[in-house]
Amino acid sequence: MKMRAGFSLSVPLLIMSIAVPEIGAAKEISPDRAAVFKDLLNCRNKSDPTERLACYDTAATRFETATTQGDVVVVDREQIRSIKRQSFGLTLPSFAIFSGGNRTEEIDTRIELILDHPQTGEDGHLQFVFEDGAVWRQFDDGEIFPRPRKGMSAVITRGAVGGFFLSLEGKPGFKVQRLR
């Protein structure tokens, strides 16, 4: 047991000694960023002011060209929230690039919508069409109260195990699944 504990500590220490740069070394930019952006940020490491300015001028020109050609896209926090809102509940490829680090926002766990109209799906379950075009389907057989109608406020929350719950007008929620 003692040998195992020593081994489990030595592996992370070995990895850290390889991965952590020496103190005082130039700070390298995270490899998950676009190369033209890394080049722009790495200009900070130039000690000579003339070299640093030339580096910034060159890198800024390349960055502008990349954004103009669509090779790099710059989005702000509000645009990210909009994308997350539109895709809430859909099964999509990873949106890790929109995470902003490990920051969890309300839009990641909860969304407020206005019901445009309810309808009955082919399987007999109630479907909810919202003003933003999203369509959700009742996933359980529970009774829904109050009776859904146009203009009702709805809150959809992400459950602990990946499911979703819809609450109308602040009443207890029921399981739902996003269709589109």
N, C-alpha and C. Protein backbone atom coordinates (compact mmCIF):
# COMPACT_ATOMS: atom_id res chain seq x y z
N MET A 1 0.82 -1.19 0.00
CA MET A 1 0.00 0.00 0.00
C MET A 1 0.87 1.26 0.00
N LYS A 2 1.93 1.22 0.80
CA LYS A 2 2.82 2.36 0.89
C LYS A 2 3.51 2.61 -0.45
N MET A 3 3.92 1.52 -1.12
CA MET A 3 4.59 1.65 -2.40
C MET A 3 3.65 2.26 -3.43
N ARG A 4 2.40 1.85 -3.42
CA ARG A 4 1.40 2.37 -4.36
C ARG A 4 1.19 3.87 -4.16
N ALA A 5 1.09 4.32 -2.89
CA ALA A 5 0.91 5.74 -2.61
C ALA A 5 2.10 6.53 -3.11
N GLY A 6 3.31 6.02 -2.91
CA GLY A 6 4.50 6.71 -3.39
C GLY A 6 4.52 6.80 -4.90
N PHE A 7 4.10 5.71 -5.56
CA PHE A 7 4.06 5.70 -7.02
C PHE A 7 3.02 6.68 -7.54
N SER A 8 1.85 6.72 -6.91
CA SER A 8 0.79 7.61 -7.40
C SER A 8 1.16 9.07 -7.22
N LEU A 9 2.00 9.40 -6.27
CA LEU A 9 2.46 10.77 -6.10
C LEU A 9 3.59 11.11 -7.06
N SER A 10 4.43 10.14 -7.38
CA SER A 10 5.58 10.44 -8.22
C SER A 10 5.19 10.71 -9.67
N VAL A 11 4.15 10.06 -10.18
CA VAL A 11 3.73 10.28 -11.56
C VAL A 11 3.26 11.71 -11.78
N PRO A 12 2.34 12.26 -10.93
CA PRO A 12 1.95 13.66 -11.13
C PRO A 12 3.11 14.63 -10.98
N LEU A 13 4.03 14.34 -10.05
CA LEU A 13 5.17 15.22 -9.89
C LEU A 13 6.07 15.21 -11.12
N LEU A 14 6.24 14.04 -11.73
CA LEU A 14 7.02 13.94 -12.96
C LEU A 14 6.35 14.72 -14.08
N ILE A 15 5.05 14.56 -14.21
CA ILE A 15 4.31 15.28 -15.26
C ILE A 15 4.41 16.77 -15.03
N MET A 16 4.24 17.23 -13.78
CA MET A 16 4.34 18.65 -13.48
C MET A 16 5.72 19.20 -13.78
N SER A 17 6.75 18.43 -13.50
CA SER A 17 8.11 18.92 -13.74
C SER A 17 8.37 19.08 -15.23
N ILE A 18 7.71 18.28 -16.04
CA ILE A 18 7.87 18.41 -17.49
C ILE A 18 6.99 19.53 -18.03
N ALA A 19 5.75 19.62 -17.52
CA ALA A 19 4.77 20.55 -18.07
C ALA A 19 4.93 21.98 -17.60
N VAL A 20 5.41 22.20 -16.37
CA VAL A 20 5.51 23.54 -15.82
C VAL A 20 6.82 24.19 -16.28
N PRO A 21 6.73 25.35 -16.94
CA PRO A 21 7.94 26.01 -17.41
C PRO A 21 8.77 26.53 -16.24
N GLU A 22 10.03 26.75 -16.51
CA GLU A 22 10.92 27.26 -15.48
C GLU A 22 10.47 28.64 -15.03
N ILE A 23 10.73 28.96 -13.77
CA ILE A 23 10.40 30.28 -13.25
C ILE A 23 11.20 31.31 -14.05
N GLY A 24 10.54 32.39 -14.43
CA GLY A 24 11.21 33.46 -15.16
C GLY A 24 11.24 33.23 -16.67
N ALA A 25 10.84 32.06 -17.12
CA ALA A 25 10.82 31.81 -18.57
C ALA A 25 9.67 32.59 -19.19
N ALA A 26 9.76 32.85 -20.48
CA ALA A 26 8.70 33.57 -21.20
C ALA A 26 7.42 32.76 -21.12
N LYS A 27 6.32 33.43 -20.88
CA LYS A 27 5.04 32.76 -20.71
C LYS A 27 4.49 32.35 -22.08
N GLU A 28 4.33 31.06 -22.30
CA GLU A 28 3.80 30.54 -23.56
C GLU A 28 2.28 30.58 -23.50
N ILE A 29 1.66 30.92 -24.59
CA ILE A 29 0.21 31.02 -24.67
C ILE A 29 -0.37 29.62 -24.86
N SER A 30 -1.53 29.39 -24.28
CA SER A 30 -2.22 28.09 -24.34
C SER A 30 -2.32 27.57 -25.78
N PRO A 31 -2.02 26.28 -26.01
CA PRO A 31 -2.01 25.74 -27.36
C PRO A 31 -3.39 25.62 -28.00
N ASP A 32 -4.49 25.81 -27.24
CA ASP A 32 -5.81 25.68 -27.81
C ASP A 32 -6.29 26.95 -28.48
N ARG A 33 -5.48 27.95 -28.54
CA ARG A 33 -5.85 29.21 -29.19
C ARG A 33 -5.34 29.21 -30.62
N ALA A 34 -5.98 30.02 -31.45
CA ALA A 34 -5.58 30.13 -32.85
C ALA A 34 -4.14 30.65 -32.94
N ALA A 35 -3.40 30.13 -33.90
CA ALA A 35 -1.98 30.49 -34.05
C ALA A 35 -1.79 31.99 -34.24
N VAL A 36 -2.65 32.64 -35.05
CA VAL A 36 -2.48 34.08 -35.27
C VAL A 36 -2.73 34.87 -33.99
N PHE A 37 -3.60 34.38 -33.13
CA PHE A 37 -3.84 35.04 -31.85
C PHE A 37 -2.66 34.81 -30.90
N LYS A 38 -2.13 33.58 -30.89
CA LYS A 38 -0.95 33.27 -30.07
C LYS A 38 0.22 34.17 -30.49
N ASP A 39 0.41 34.32 -31.80
CA ASP A 39 1.50 35.17 -32.30
C ASP A 39 1.35 36.60 -31.80
N LEU A 40 0.13 37.10 -31.81
CA LEU A 40 -0.13 38.46 -31.34
C LEU A 40 0.20 38.58 -29.85
N LEU A 41 -0.25 37.64 -29.04
CA LEU A 41 0.02 37.70 -27.61
C LEU A 41 1.48 37.45 -27.26
N ASN A 42 2.14 36.63 -28.05
CA ASN A 42 3.56 36.36 -27.78
C ASN A 42 4.46 37.56 -28.04
N CYS A 43 3.94 38.59 -28.72
CA CYS A 43 4.73 39.81 -28.93
C CYS A 43 5.07 40.49 -27.61
N ARG A 44 4.27 40.23 -26.58
CA ARG A 44 4.55 40.81 -25.25
C ARG A 44 5.90 40.38 -24.72
N ASN A 45 6.41 39.26 -25.20
CA ASN A 45 7.66 38.71 -24.68
C ASN A 45 8.90 39.38 -25.27
N LYS A 46 8.73 40.22 -26.25
CA LYS A 46 9.87 40.94 -26.85
C LYS A 46 10.32 42.03 -25.90
N SER A 47 11.60 42.03 -25.54
CA SER A 47 12.09 43.03 -24.59
C SER A 47 12.45 44.36 -25.27
N ASP A 48 12.90 44.29 -26.51
CA ASP A 48 13.26 45.51 -27.24
C ASP A 48 11.98 46.19 -27.75
N PRO A 49 11.76 47.46 -27.40
CA PRO A 49 10.53 48.16 -27.80
C PRO A 49 10.31 48.20 -29.32
N THR A 50 11.38 48.36 -30.08
CA THR A 50 11.25 48.41 -31.54
C THR A 50 10.83 47.06 -32.09
N GLU A 51 11.45 46.01 -31.57
CA GLU A 51 11.08 44.64 -31.99
C GLU A 51 9.64 44.33 -31.60
N ARG A 52 9.27 44.73 -30.38
CA ARG A 52 7.92 44.46 -29.90
C ARG A 52 6.88 45.16 -30.77
N LEU A 53 7.12 46.42 -31.13
CA LEU A 53 6.18 47.17 -31.98
C LEU A 53 6.09 46.53 -33.36
N ALA A 54 7.22 46.16 -33.93
CA ALA A 54 7.22 45.51 -35.24
C ALA A 54 6.46 44.18 -35.17
N CYS A 55 6.67 43.45 -34.09
CA CYS A 55 5.97 42.17 -33.89
C CYS A 55 4.47 42.41 -33.81
N TYR A 56 4.04 43.39 -33.02
CA TYR A 56 2.62 43.70 -32.89
C TYR A 56 2.02 44.12 -34.24
N ASP A 57 2.73 44.97 -34.97
CA ASP A 57 2.22 45.41 -36.28
C ASP A 57 2.01 44.24 -37.22
N THR A 58 3.00 43.35 -37.29
CA THR A 58 2.92 42.18 -38.17
C THR A 58 1.81 41.24 -37.72
N ALA A 59 1.78 40.94 -36.43
CA ALA A 59 0.79 40.01 -35.90
C ALA A 59 -0.63 40.57 -36.00
N ALA A 60 -0.79 41.87 -35.77
CA ALA A 60 -2.12 42.49 -35.86
C ALA A 60 -2.63 42.45 -37.31
N THR A 61 -1.74 42.68 -38.26
CA THR A 61 -2.12 42.62 -39.68
C THR A 61 -2.55 41.20 -40.05
N ARG A 62 -1.79 40.19 -39.60
CA ARG A 62 -2.16 38.79 -39.87
C ARG A 62 -3.49 38.43 -39.19
N PHE A 63 -3.68 38.93 -37.97
CA PHE A 63 -4.91 38.65 -37.24
C PHE A 63 -6.11 39.28 -37.96
N GLU A 64 -5.96 40.51 -38.40
CA GLU A 64 -7.04 41.19 -39.13
C GLU A 64 -7.36 40.46 -40.43
N THR A 65 -6.35 40.01 -41.14
CA THR A 65 -6.55 39.26 -42.38
C THR A 65 -7.29 37.96 -42.10
N ALA A 66 -6.90 37.27 -41.04
CA ALA A 66 -7.54 36.00 -40.69
C ALA A 66 -9.01 36.21 -40.32
N THR A 67 -9.33 37.29 -39.62
CA THR A 67 -10.73 37.54 -39.27
C THR A 67 -11.54 37.97 -40.50
N THR A 68 -10.93 38.76 -41.37
CA THR A 68 -11.61 39.20 -42.60
C THR A 68 -11.92 38.02 -43.51
N GLN A 69 -10.99 37.06 -43.59
CA GLN A 69 -11.18 35.89 -44.45
C GLN A 69 -12.03 34.80 -43.79
N GLY A 70 -12.37 34.99 -42.52
CA GLY A 70 -13.19 34.00 -41.81
C GLY A 70 -12.41 32.84 -41.23
N ASP A 71 -11.08 32.92 -41.25
CA ASP A 71 -10.26 31.85 -40.67
C ASP A 71 -10.29 31.91 -39.14
N VAL A 72 -10.50 33.09 -38.60
CA VAL A 72 -10.61 33.29 -37.15
C VAL A 72 -11.87 34.12 -36.93
N VAL A 73 -12.64 33.72 -35.93
CA VAL A 73 -13.86 34.45 -35.59
C VAL A 73 -13.75 34.90 -34.15
N VAL A 74 -14.05 36.16 -33.91
CA VAL A 74 -14.01 36.71 -32.56
C VAL A 74 -15.46 36.88 -32.10
N VAL A 75 -15.77 36.31 -30.95
CA VAL A 75 -17.11 36.45 -30.39
C VAL A 75 -17.01 37.01 -28.99
N ASP A 76 -18.01 37.77 -28.60
CA ASP A 76 -18.01 38.30 -27.23
C ASP A 76 -18.94 37.48 -26.36
N ARG A 77 -18.96 37.75 -25.08
CA ARG A 77 -19.73 36.97 -24.11
C ARG A 77 -21.22 36.95 -24.48
N GLU A 78 -21.77 38.06 -24.94
CA GLU A 78 -23.20 38.10 -25.29
C GLU A 78 -23.50 37.20 -26.48
N GLN A 79 -22.62 37.14 -27.46
CA GLN A 79 -22.81 36.24 -28.60
C GLN A 79 -22.76 34.77 -28.14
N ILE A 80 -21.88 34.47 -27.19
CA ILE A 80 -21.79 33.11 -26.65
C ILE A 80 -23.08 32.74 -25.94
N ARG A 81 -23.61 33.67 -25.15
CA ARG A 81 -24.88 33.41 -24.46
C ARG A 81 -25.99 33.14 -25.47
N SER A 82 -26.02 33.89 -26.55
CA SER A 82 -27.03 33.69 -27.58
C SER A 82 -26.92 32.30 -28.21
N ILE A 83 -25.71 31.87 -28.51
CA ILE A 83 -25.49 30.54 -29.09
C ILE A 83 -25.92 29.45 -28.10
N LYS A 84 -25.55 29.63 -26.83
CA LYS A 84 -25.93 28.65 -25.82
C LYS A 84 -27.44 28.60 -25.64
N ARG A 85 -28.08 29.75 -25.70
CA ARG A 85 -29.54 29.81 -25.57
C ARG A 85 -30.21 29.07 -26.71
N GLN A 86 -29.75 29.29 -27.93
CA GLN A 86 -30.35 28.65 -29.11
C GLN A 86 -30.13 27.14 -29.11
N SER A 87 -29.02 26.68 -28.53
CA SER A 87 -28.69 25.26 -28.59
C SER A 87 -29.04 24.51 -27.30
N PHE A 88 -29.58 25.20 -26.30
CA PHE A 88 -29.91 24.58 -25.01
C PHE A 88 -30.80 23.36 -25.22
N GLY A 89 -30.37 22.21 -24.71
CA GLY A 89 -31.16 20.99 -24.79
C GLY A 89 -30.90 20.14 -26.02
N LEU A 90 -30.18 20.65 -26.97
CA LEU A 90 -29.86 19.87 -28.17
C LEU A 90 -28.61 19.03 -27.92
N THR A 91 -28.55 17.87 -28.55
CA THR A 91 -27.35 17.04 -28.48
C THR A 91 -26.47 17.46 -29.65
N LEU A 92 -25.40 18.14 -29.34
CA LEU A 92 -24.50 18.69 -30.34
C LEU A 92 -23.06 18.32 -30.02
N PRO A 93 -22.16 18.49 -31.00
CA PRO A 93 -20.74 18.30 -30.68
C PRO A 93 -20.34 19.28 -29.58
N SER A 94 -19.22 19.03 -28.97
CA SER A 94 -18.75 19.86 -27.86
C SER A 94 -18.69 21.33 -28.22
N PHE A 95 -19.16 22.15 -27.31
CA PHE A 95 -19.05 23.60 -27.45
C PHE A 95 -18.03 24.14 -26.46
N ALA A 96 -17.00 23.36 -26.20
CA ALA A 96 -16.00 23.74 -25.20
C ALA A 96 -15.38 25.10 -25.52
N ILE A 97 -15.29 25.46 -26.79
CA ILE A 97 -14.69 26.74 -27.14
C ILE A 97 -15.52 27.91 -26.63
N PHE A 98 -16.79 27.67 -26.30
CA PHE A 98 -17.64 28.73 -25.80
C PHE A 98 -17.74 28.75 -24.28
N SER A 99 -16.93 27.93 -23.63
CA SER A 99 -17.06 27.81 -22.18
C SER A 99 -16.45 28.99 -21.43
N GLY A 100 -15.50 29.69 -22.03
CA GLY A 100 -14.86 30.80 -21.33
C GLY A 100 -14.11 30.32 -20.10
N GLY A 101 -13.37 29.24 -20.26
CA GLY A 101 -12.69 28.62 -19.11
C GLY A 101 -13.64 27.64 -18.46
N ASN A 102 -13.63 27.58 -17.17
CA ASN A 102 -14.52 26.67 -16.45
C ASN A 102 -15.72 27.41 -15.89
N ARG A 103 -16.05 28.53 -16.47
CA ARG A 103 -17.14 29.37 -15.99
C ARG A 103 -18.49 28.74 -16.35
N THR A 104 -19.33 28.52 -15.34
CA THR A 104 -20.68 28.04 -15.58
C THR A 104 -21.62 29.20 -15.37
N GLU A 105 -22.47 29.43 -16.36
CA GLU A 105 -23.43 30.51 -16.27
C GLU A 105 -24.83 29.93 -16.18
N GLU A 106 -25.77 30.76 -15.82
CA GLU A 106 -27.16 30.31 -15.70
C GLU A 106 -27.65 29.70 -17.01
N ILE A 107 -27.24 30.24 -18.14
CA ILE A 107 -27.69 29.73 -19.44
C ILE A 107 -27.26 28.28 -19.66
N ASP A 108 -26.26 27.80 -18.93
CA ASP A 108 -25.82 26.41 -19.04
C ASP A 108 -26.76 25.45 -18.32
N THR A 109 -27.57 25.95 -17.39
CA THR A 109 -28.42 25.08 -16.57
C THR A 109 -29.89 25.42 -16.60
N ARG A 110 -30.25 26.59 -17.12
CA ARG A 110 -31.63 27.07 -17.02
C ARG A 110 -31.92 28.05 -18.15
N ILE A 111 -33.13 27.98 -18.70
CA ILE A 111 -33.51 28.91 -19.75
C ILE A 111 -34.97 29.30 -19.57
N GLU A 112 -35.28 30.56 -19.81
CA GLU A 112 -36.66 31.05 -19.72
C GLU A 112 -37.19 31.31 -21.12
N LEU A 113 -38.40 30.84 -21.38
CA LEU A 113 -39.00 30.95 -22.70
C LEU A 113 -40.47 31.36 -22.59
N ILE A 114 -41.05 31.76 -23.72
CA ILE A 114 -42.48 32.06 -23.79
C ILE A 114 -43.10 31.06 -24.77
N LEU A 115 -44.18 30.41 -24.32
CA LEU A 115 -44.85 29.40 -25.13
C LEU A 115 -45.61 30.05 -26.28
N ASP A 116 -45.33 29.61 -27.50
CA ASP A 116 -46.07 30.09 -28.66
C ASP A 116 -47.36 29.27 -28.78
N HIS A 117 -47.21 27.95 -28.76
CA HIS A 117 -48.41 27.09 -28.76
C HIS A 117 -48.03 25.66 -28.41
N PRO A 118 -48.98 24.96 -27.75
CA PRO A 118 -48.79 23.53 -27.51
C PRO A 118 -49.39 22.76 -28.67
N GLN A 119 -48.91 21.55 -28.89
CA GLN A 119 -49.47 20.68 -29.92
C GLN A 119 -49.26 19.24 -29.50
N THR A 120 -50.03 18.35 -30.08
CA THR A 120 -49.89 16.93 -29.77
C THR A 120 -49.03 16.29 -30.86
N GLY A 121 -47.98 15.57 -30.45
CA GLY A 121 -47.09 14.91 -31.39
C GLY A 121 -47.68 13.61 -31.90
N GLU A 122 -47.02 13.01 -32.88
CA GLU A 122 -47.48 11.75 -33.46
C GLU A 122 -47.56 10.63 -32.43
N ASP A 123 -46.72 10.70 -31.40
CA ASP A 123 -46.71 9.66 -30.36
C ASP A 123 -47.73 9.92 -29.26
N GLY A 124 -48.51 10.99 -29.40
CA GLY A 124 -49.53 11.32 -28.40
C GLY A 124 -49.04 12.20 -27.27
N HIS A 125 -47.73 12.41 -27.18
CA HIS A 125 -47.19 13.28 -26.13
C HIS A 125 -47.36 14.74 -26.54
N LEU A 126 -47.50 15.57 -25.53
CA LEU A 126 -47.63 17.00 -25.76
C LEU A 126 -46.29 17.58 -26.19
N GLN A 127 -46.33 18.46 -27.17
CA GLN A 127 -45.14 19.18 -27.62
C GLN A 127 -45.35 20.67 -27.34
N PHE A 128 -44.25 21.36 -27.09
CA PHE A 128 -44.30 22.78 -26.77
C PHE A 128 -43.46 23.53 -27.79
N VAL A 129 -44.09 24.42 -28.53
CA VAL A 129 -43.40 25.25 -29.51
C VAL A 129 -43.26 26.63 -28.87
N PHE A 130 -42.01 27.09 -28.76
CA PHE A 130 -41.75 28.36 -28.10
C PHE A 130 -41.52 29.47 -29.13
N GLU A 131 -41.61 30.71 -28.68
CA GLU A 131 -41.49 31.86 -29.58
C GLU A 131 -40.16 31.90 -30.32
N ASP A 132 -39.09 31.33 -29.73
CA ASP A 132 -37.80 31.35 -30.41
C ASP A 132 -37.66 30.21 -31.43
N GLY A 133 -38.72 29.39 -31.61
CA GLY A 133 -38.70 28.30 -32.58
C GLY A 133 -38.32 26.95 -32.00
N ALA A 134 -37.87 26.92 -30.75
CA ALA A 134 -37.50 25.65 -30.11
C ALA A 134 -38.75 24.80 -29.89
N VAL A 135 -38.59 23.49 -30.07
CA VAL A 135 -39.70 22.56 -29.84
C VAL A 135 -39.24 21.51 -28.84
N TRP A 136 -39.99 21.36 -27.78
CA TRP A 136 -39.72 20.39 -26.72
C TRP A 136 -40.90 19.45 -26.61
N ARG A 137 -40.65 18.22 -26.23
CA ARG A 137 -41.67 17.18 -26.12
C ARG A 137 -41.74 16.69 -24.68
N GLN A 138 -42.97 16.51 -24.17
CA GLN A 138 -43.14 15.93 -22.84
C GLN A 138 -42.59 14.51 -22.89
N PHE A 139 -41.76 14.17 -21.91
CA PHE A 139 -41.05 12.89 -21.92
C PHE A 139 -41.63 11.90 -20.91
N ASP A 140 -42.53 12.36 -20.07
CA ASP A 140 -43.15 11.46 -19.10
C ASP A 140 -44.66 11.47 -19.33
N ASP A 141 -45.39 10.70 -18.53
CA ASP A 141 -46.83 10.61 -18.71
C ASP A 141 -47.60 11.38 -17.65
N GLY A 142 -46.92 12.26 -16.94
CA GLY A 142 -47.57 13.02 -15.88
C GLY A 142 -48.57 14.03 -16.41
N GLU A 143 -49.50 14.40 -15.55
CA GLU A 143 -50.48 15.43 -15.88
C GLU A 143 -49.80 16.80 -15.85
N ILE A 144 -50.23 17.68 -16.72
CA ILE A 144 -49.66 19.02 -16.78
C ILE A 144 -50.71 20.01 -16.31
N PHE A 145 -50.32 20.76 -15.28
CA PHE A 145 -51.21 21.80 -14.77
C PHE A 145 -50.38 23.04 -14.54
N PRO A 146 -50.80 24.19 -14.97
CA PRO A 146 -52.04 24.50 -15.67
C PRO A 146 -51.99 24.03 -17.13
N ARG A 147 -53.14 23.99 -17.75
CA ARG A 147 -53.23 23.59 -19.15
C ARG A 147 -52.40 24.58 -20.00
N PRO A 148 -51.46 24.07 -20.81
CA PRO A 148 -50.59 24.95 -21.60
C PRO A 148 -51.36 25.81 -22.60
N ARG A 149 -50.98 27.09 -22.69
CA ARG A 149 -51.61 27.99 -23.67
C ARG A 149 -50.61 29.06 -24.11
N LYS A 150 -50.88 29.66 -25.22
CA LYS A 150 -50.02 30.69 -25.82
C LYS A 150 -49.72 31.80 -24.80
N GLY A 151 -48.44 32.21 -24.79
CA GLY A 151 -48.02 33.32 -23.94
C GLY A 151 -47.58 32.93 -22.54
N MET A 152 -47.71 31.67 -22.19
CA MET A 152 -47.30 31.25 -20.84
C MET A 152 -45.78 31.32 -20.71
N SER A 153 -45.33 31.68 -19.52
CA SER A 153 -43.88 31.68 -19.27
C SER A 153 -43.46 30.28 -18.89
N ALA A 154 -42.31 29.89 -19.36
CA ALA A 154 -41.78 28.55 -19.10
C ALA A 154 -40.33 28.66 -18.67
N VAL A 155 -39.94 27.76 -17.81
CA VAL A 155 -38.53 27.65 -17.40
C VAL A 155 -38.14 26.19 -17.62
N ILE A 156 -37.05 26.00 -18.37
CA ILE A 156 -36.52 24.66 -18.59
C ILE A 156 -35.18 24.60 -17.86
N THR A 157 -35.04 23.58 -17.02
CA THR A 157 -33.80 23.41 -16.26
C THR A 157 -33.17 22.07 -16.59
N ARG A 158 -31.85 22.05 -16.53
CA ARG A 158 -31.09 20.83 -16.75
C ARG A 158 -31.10 20.03 -15.45
N GLY A 159 -31.47 18.75 -15.55
CA GLY A 159 -31.49 17.89 -14.38
C GLY A 159 -30.10 17.40 -14.03
N ALA A 160 -29.98 16.75 -12.90
CA ALA A 160 -28.69 16.28 -12.40
C ALA A 160 -28.08 15.19 -13.26
N VAL A 161 -28.91 14.40 -13.94
CA VAL A 161 -28.39 13.27 -14.71
C VAL A 161 -28.51 13.53 -16.22
N GLY A 162 -28.65 14.77 -16.62
CA GLY A 162 -28.66 15.12 -18.04
C GLY A 162 -30.04 15.31 -18.63
N GLY A 163 -31.10 15.01 -17.90
CA GLY A 163 -32.45 15.25 -18.41
C GLY A 163 -32.83 16.71 -18.25
N PHE A 164 -34.03 17.04 -18.73
CA PHE A 164 -34.51 18.42 -18.65
C PHE A 164 -35.92 18.43 -18.07
N PHE A 165 -36.24 19.51 -17.36
CA PHE A 165 -37.55 19.66 -16.76
C PHE A 165 -38.14 21.00 -17.16
N LEU A 166 -39.42 20.99 -17.52
CA LEU A 166 -40.12 22.20 -17.94
C LEU A 166 -41.15 22.55 -16.89
N SER A 167 -41.14 23.79 -16.49
CA SER A 167 -42.11 24.31 -15.52
C SER A 167 -42.87 25.44 -16.18
N LEU A 168 -44.21 25.36 -16.14
CA LEU A 168 -45.06 26.41 -16.71
C LEU A 168 -45.61 27.28 -15.59
N GLU A 169 -45.46 28.59 -15.74
CA GLU A 169 -46.00 29.55 -14.78
C GLU A 169 -45.59 29.24 -13.34
N GLY A 170 -44.37 28.74 -13.14
CA GLY A 170 -43.84 28.49 -11.80
C GLY A 170 -44.37 27.23 -11.12
N LYS A 171 -45.15 26.43 -11.81
CA LYS A 171 -45.69 25.19 -11.25
C LYS A 171 -44.63 24.09 -11.31
N PRO A 172 -44.84 22.97 -10.58
CA PRO A 172 -43.86 21.87 -10.62
C PRO A 172 -43.59 21.41 -12.05
N GLY A 173 -42.34 21.06 -12.30
CA GLY A 173 -41.92 20.70 -13.65
C GLY A 173 -42.18 19.24 -14.00
N PHE A 174 -42.01 18.95 -15.28
CA PHE A 174 -42.14 17.60 -15.80
C PHE A 174 -41.03 17.38 -16.81
N LYS A 175 -40.71 16.12 -17.07
CA LYS A 175 -39.59 15.80 -17.96
C LYS A 175 -39.92 16.16 -19.40
N VAL A 176 -38.91 16.73 -20.07
CA VAL A 176 -39.05 17.07 -21.48
C VAL A 176 -37.77 16.71 -22.24
N GLN A 177 -37.92 16.67 -23.56
CA GLN A 177 -36.78 16.39 -24.45
C GLN A 177 -36.87 17.39 -25.60
N ARG A 178 -35.74 17.95 -25.98
CA ARG A 178 -35.72 18.92 -27.09
C ARG A 178 -35.77 18.17 -28.41
N LEU A 179 -36.69 18.57 -29.29
CA LEU A 179 -36.80 17.99 -30.62
C LEU A 179 -36.06 18.79 -31.67
N ARG A 180 -36.19 20.12 -31.59
CA ARG A 180 -35.49 21.02 -32.52
C ARG A 180 -35.46 22.44 -32.00
